[in-house]
């Protein structure tokens, strides 16, 4: 079961980075292996934002779509994501944002398991590399905005 975390320092305001992460429909423009995305629902309730979205990820012939429940806690500057459908037994990832002077410390952790045992073994072996490529893509895009 792949599990990892990454911390990055990004020279951007925390609120802009949170909005950037929640702009899921733009992920295919810059995230490696992200082929498509779709937001089905987005609602605001007091200190929370709730999003239901699909991401299609992979490389041919291994392409699949999973549906996620995304919850932003505005008071805690925390985004929590869980899967609600697709090729995963489970998914849990967290984004935490801490403003520090002229940059933001972004903490990202992810834990998931793919239903297909063979693909799960492959992902476990290459996951750290892939996660760093994705973190690099997020940071480069965020700093260019």
Protein backbone atom coordinates (compact mmCIF):
# COMPACT_ATOMS: atom_id res chain seq x y z
CA UNK A 1 0.00 0.00 0.00
CA UNK A 2 1.79 3.14 -1.18
CA UNK A 3 2.10 5.79 1.51
CA UNK A 4 4.30 8.87 1.44
CA UNK A 5 4.53 12.53 2.30
CA UNK A 6 6.17 15.59 0.78
CA UNK A 7 6.81 19.08 2.14
CA UNK A 8 7.55 22.03 -0.11
CA UNK A 9 8.24 25.72 0.46
CA UNK A 10 6.47 27.79 -2.18
CA UNK A 11 6.78 31.55 -2.61
CA UNK A 12 3.05 32.19 -2.77
CA UNK A 13 0.29 33.24 -0.39
CA UNK A 14 -1.38 30.32 1.41
CA UNK A 15 -4.89 31.27 0.26
CA UNK A 16 -3.81 31.39 -3.38
CA UNK A 17 -2.23 27.93 -3.03
CA UNK A 18 -5.39 26.51 -1.48
CA UNK A 19 -7.45 27.89 -4.38
CA UNK A 20 -4.88 26.47 -6.79
CA UNK A 21 -5.15 22.95 -5.29
CA UNK A 22 -8.96 23.14 -5.38
CA UNK A 23 -8.92 24.06 -9.10
CA UNK A 24 -9.12 20.38 -9.97
CA UNK A 25 -10.32 20.89 -13.53
CA UNK A 26 -6.92 22.35 -14.45
CA UNK A 27 -4.91 19.33 -13.24
CA UNK A 28 -4.58 17.74 -16.71
CA UNK A 29 -2.71 20.87 -17.87
CA UNK A 30 0.27 20.23 -15.63
CA UNK A 31 0.12 17.03 -13.57
CA UNK A 32 2.00 14.04 -14.99
CA UNK A 33 -0.26 11.07 -15.74
CA UNK A 34 -3.46 13.11 -15.23
CA UNK A 35 -5.46 12.72 -18.43
CA UNK A 36 -8.80 14.26 -17.47
CA UNK A 37 -10.71 15.75 -14.55
CA UNK A 38 -14.30 16.68 -13.85
CA UNK A 39 -15.96 18.47 -10.93
CA UNK A 40 -19.51 17.24 -10.32
CA UNK A 41 -20.38 19.26 -7.28
CA UNK A 42 -18.92 22.16 -5.32
CA UNK A 43 -20.60 23.71 -2.32
CA UNK A 44 -19.65 26.18 0.38
CA UNK A 45 -20.88 25.83 3.96
CA UNK A 46 -19.57 28.26 6.58
CA UNK A 47 -15.92 27.27 7.09
CA UNK A 48 -15.92 24.35 4.65
CA UNK A 49 -15.82 23.76 0.92
CA UNK A 50 -16.98 20.38 -0.40
CA UNK A 51 -16.12 19.05 -3.86
CA UNK A 52 -16.98 15.78 -5.61
CA UNK A 53 -14.64 15.22 -8.57
CA UNK A 54 -13.21 12.61 -10.93
CA UNK A 55 -9.58 12.27 -11.96
CA UNK A 56 -8.55 10.07 -14.85
CA UNK A 57 -4.96 9.00 -14.40
CA UNK A 58 -2.48 6.58 -15.87
CA UNK A 59 -0.55 5.66 -18.95
CA UNK A 60 -1.89 3.42 -21.65
CA UNK A 61 -2.82 0.64 -21.24
CA UNK A 62 -3.28 1.40 -17.51
CA UNK A 63 -5.80 4.26 -17.44
CA UNK A 64 -8.55 4.56 -14.85
CA UNK A 65 -10.90 7.10 -13.31
CA UNK A 66 -11.57 7.51 -9.63
CA UNK A 67 -14.07 9.69 -7.84
CA UNK A 68 -13.02 11.72 -4.80
CA UNK A 69 -14.63 13.57 -1.96
CA UNK A 70 -12.61 16.74 -1.29
CA UNK A 71 -13.15 18.77 1.88
CA UNK A 72 -11.46 22.09 2.68
CA UNK A 73 -11.46 23.18 6.32
CA UNK A 74 -10.88 26.93 5.95
CA UNK A 75 -10.09 27.51 9.63
CA UNK A 76 -7.41 24.81 9.67
CA UNK A 77 -6.06 25.48 6.13
CA UNK A 78 -6.43 21.75 5.51
CA UNK A 79 -7.73 19.81 2.51
CA UNK A 80 -8.75 16.18 3.10
CA UNK A 81 -9.42 13.85 0.16
CA UNK A 82 -10.97 10.37 0.20
CA UNK A 83 -12.08 8.12 -2.64
CA UNK A 84 -15.73 7.29 -3.19
CA UNK A 85 -15.44 5.20 -6.33
CA UNK A 86 -13.12 3.74 -8.92
CA UNK A 87 -10.11 1.42 -8.94
CA UNK A 88 -9.01 2.10 -5.36
CA UNK A 89 -9.78 0.13 -2.22
CA UNK A 90 -9.09 3.34 -0.37
CA UNK A 91 -7.47 6.72 -0.77
CA UNK A 92 -6.67 9.30 1.82
CA UNK A 93 -4.61 12.38 1.22
CA UNK A 94 -4.11 15.58 3.11
CA UNK A 95 -2.85 19.03 2.20
CA UNK A 96 -1.80 21.38 5.00
CA UNK A 97 -0.76 24.98 4.37
CA UNK A 98 1.28 27.12 6.78
CA UNK A 99 2.03 30.73 5.91
CA UNK A 100 5.63 31.77 6.73
CA UNK A 101 6.63 35.34 5.86
CA UNK A 102 6.68 35.49 2.04
CA UNK A 103 6.23 31.78 1.39
CA UNK A 104 3.94 28.90 2.34
CA UNK A 105 4.99 25.56 3.73
CA UNK A 106 2.85 22.94 1.97
CA UNK A 107 2.58 19.47 3.49
CA UNK A 108 1.08 16.72 1.36
CA UNK A 109 0.59 13.11 2.40
CA UNK A 110 -1.10 10.29 0.57
CA UNK A 111 -2.04 6.72 1.40
CA UNK A 112 -3.90 4.47 -1.02
CA UNK A 113 -4.41 0.93 -2.23
CA UNK A 114 -5.38 -0.11 -5.74
CA UNK A 115 -7.93 -2.94 -6.06
CA UNK A 116 -5.81 -4.65 -8.74
CA UNK A 117 -3.05 -6.45 -6.78
CA UNK A 118 -0.62 -6.46 -9.74
CA UNK A 119 -0.95 -2.69 -10.28
CA UNK A 120 -0.65 -2.13 -6.54
CA UNK A 121 2.74 -3.91 -6.55
CA UNK A 122 3.93 -1.81 -9.50
CA UNK A 123 2.74 1.43 -7.86
CA UNK A 124 4.42 0.56 -4.58
CA UNK A 125 7.78 0.21 -6.36
CA UNK A 126 7.54 3.45 -8.35
CA UNK A 127 5.38 5.56 -6.06
CA UNK A 128 8.04 7.75 -4.43
CA UNK A 129 9.38 8.77 -7.85
CA UNK A 130 5.89 9.54 -9.15
CA UNK A 131 4.91 11.52 -6.06
CA UNK A 132 8.00 13.71 -6.37
CA UNK A 133 7.25 14.36 -10.06
CA UNK A 134 3.70 15.40 -9.14
CA UNK A 135 4.94 17.60 -6.27
CA UNK A 136 7.46 19.22 -8.65
CA UNK A 137 4.66 19.89 -11.18
CA UNK A 138 2.44 21.50 -8.53
CA UNK A 139 5.29 23.67 -7.26
CA UNK A 140 6.42 24.79 -10.72
CA UNK A 141 2.86 25.65 -11.77
CA UNK A 142 2.09 27.45 -8.47
CA UNK A 143 5.24 29.56 -8.72
CA UNK A 144 4.48 30.49 -12.32
CA UNK A 145 1.00 31.87 -11.54
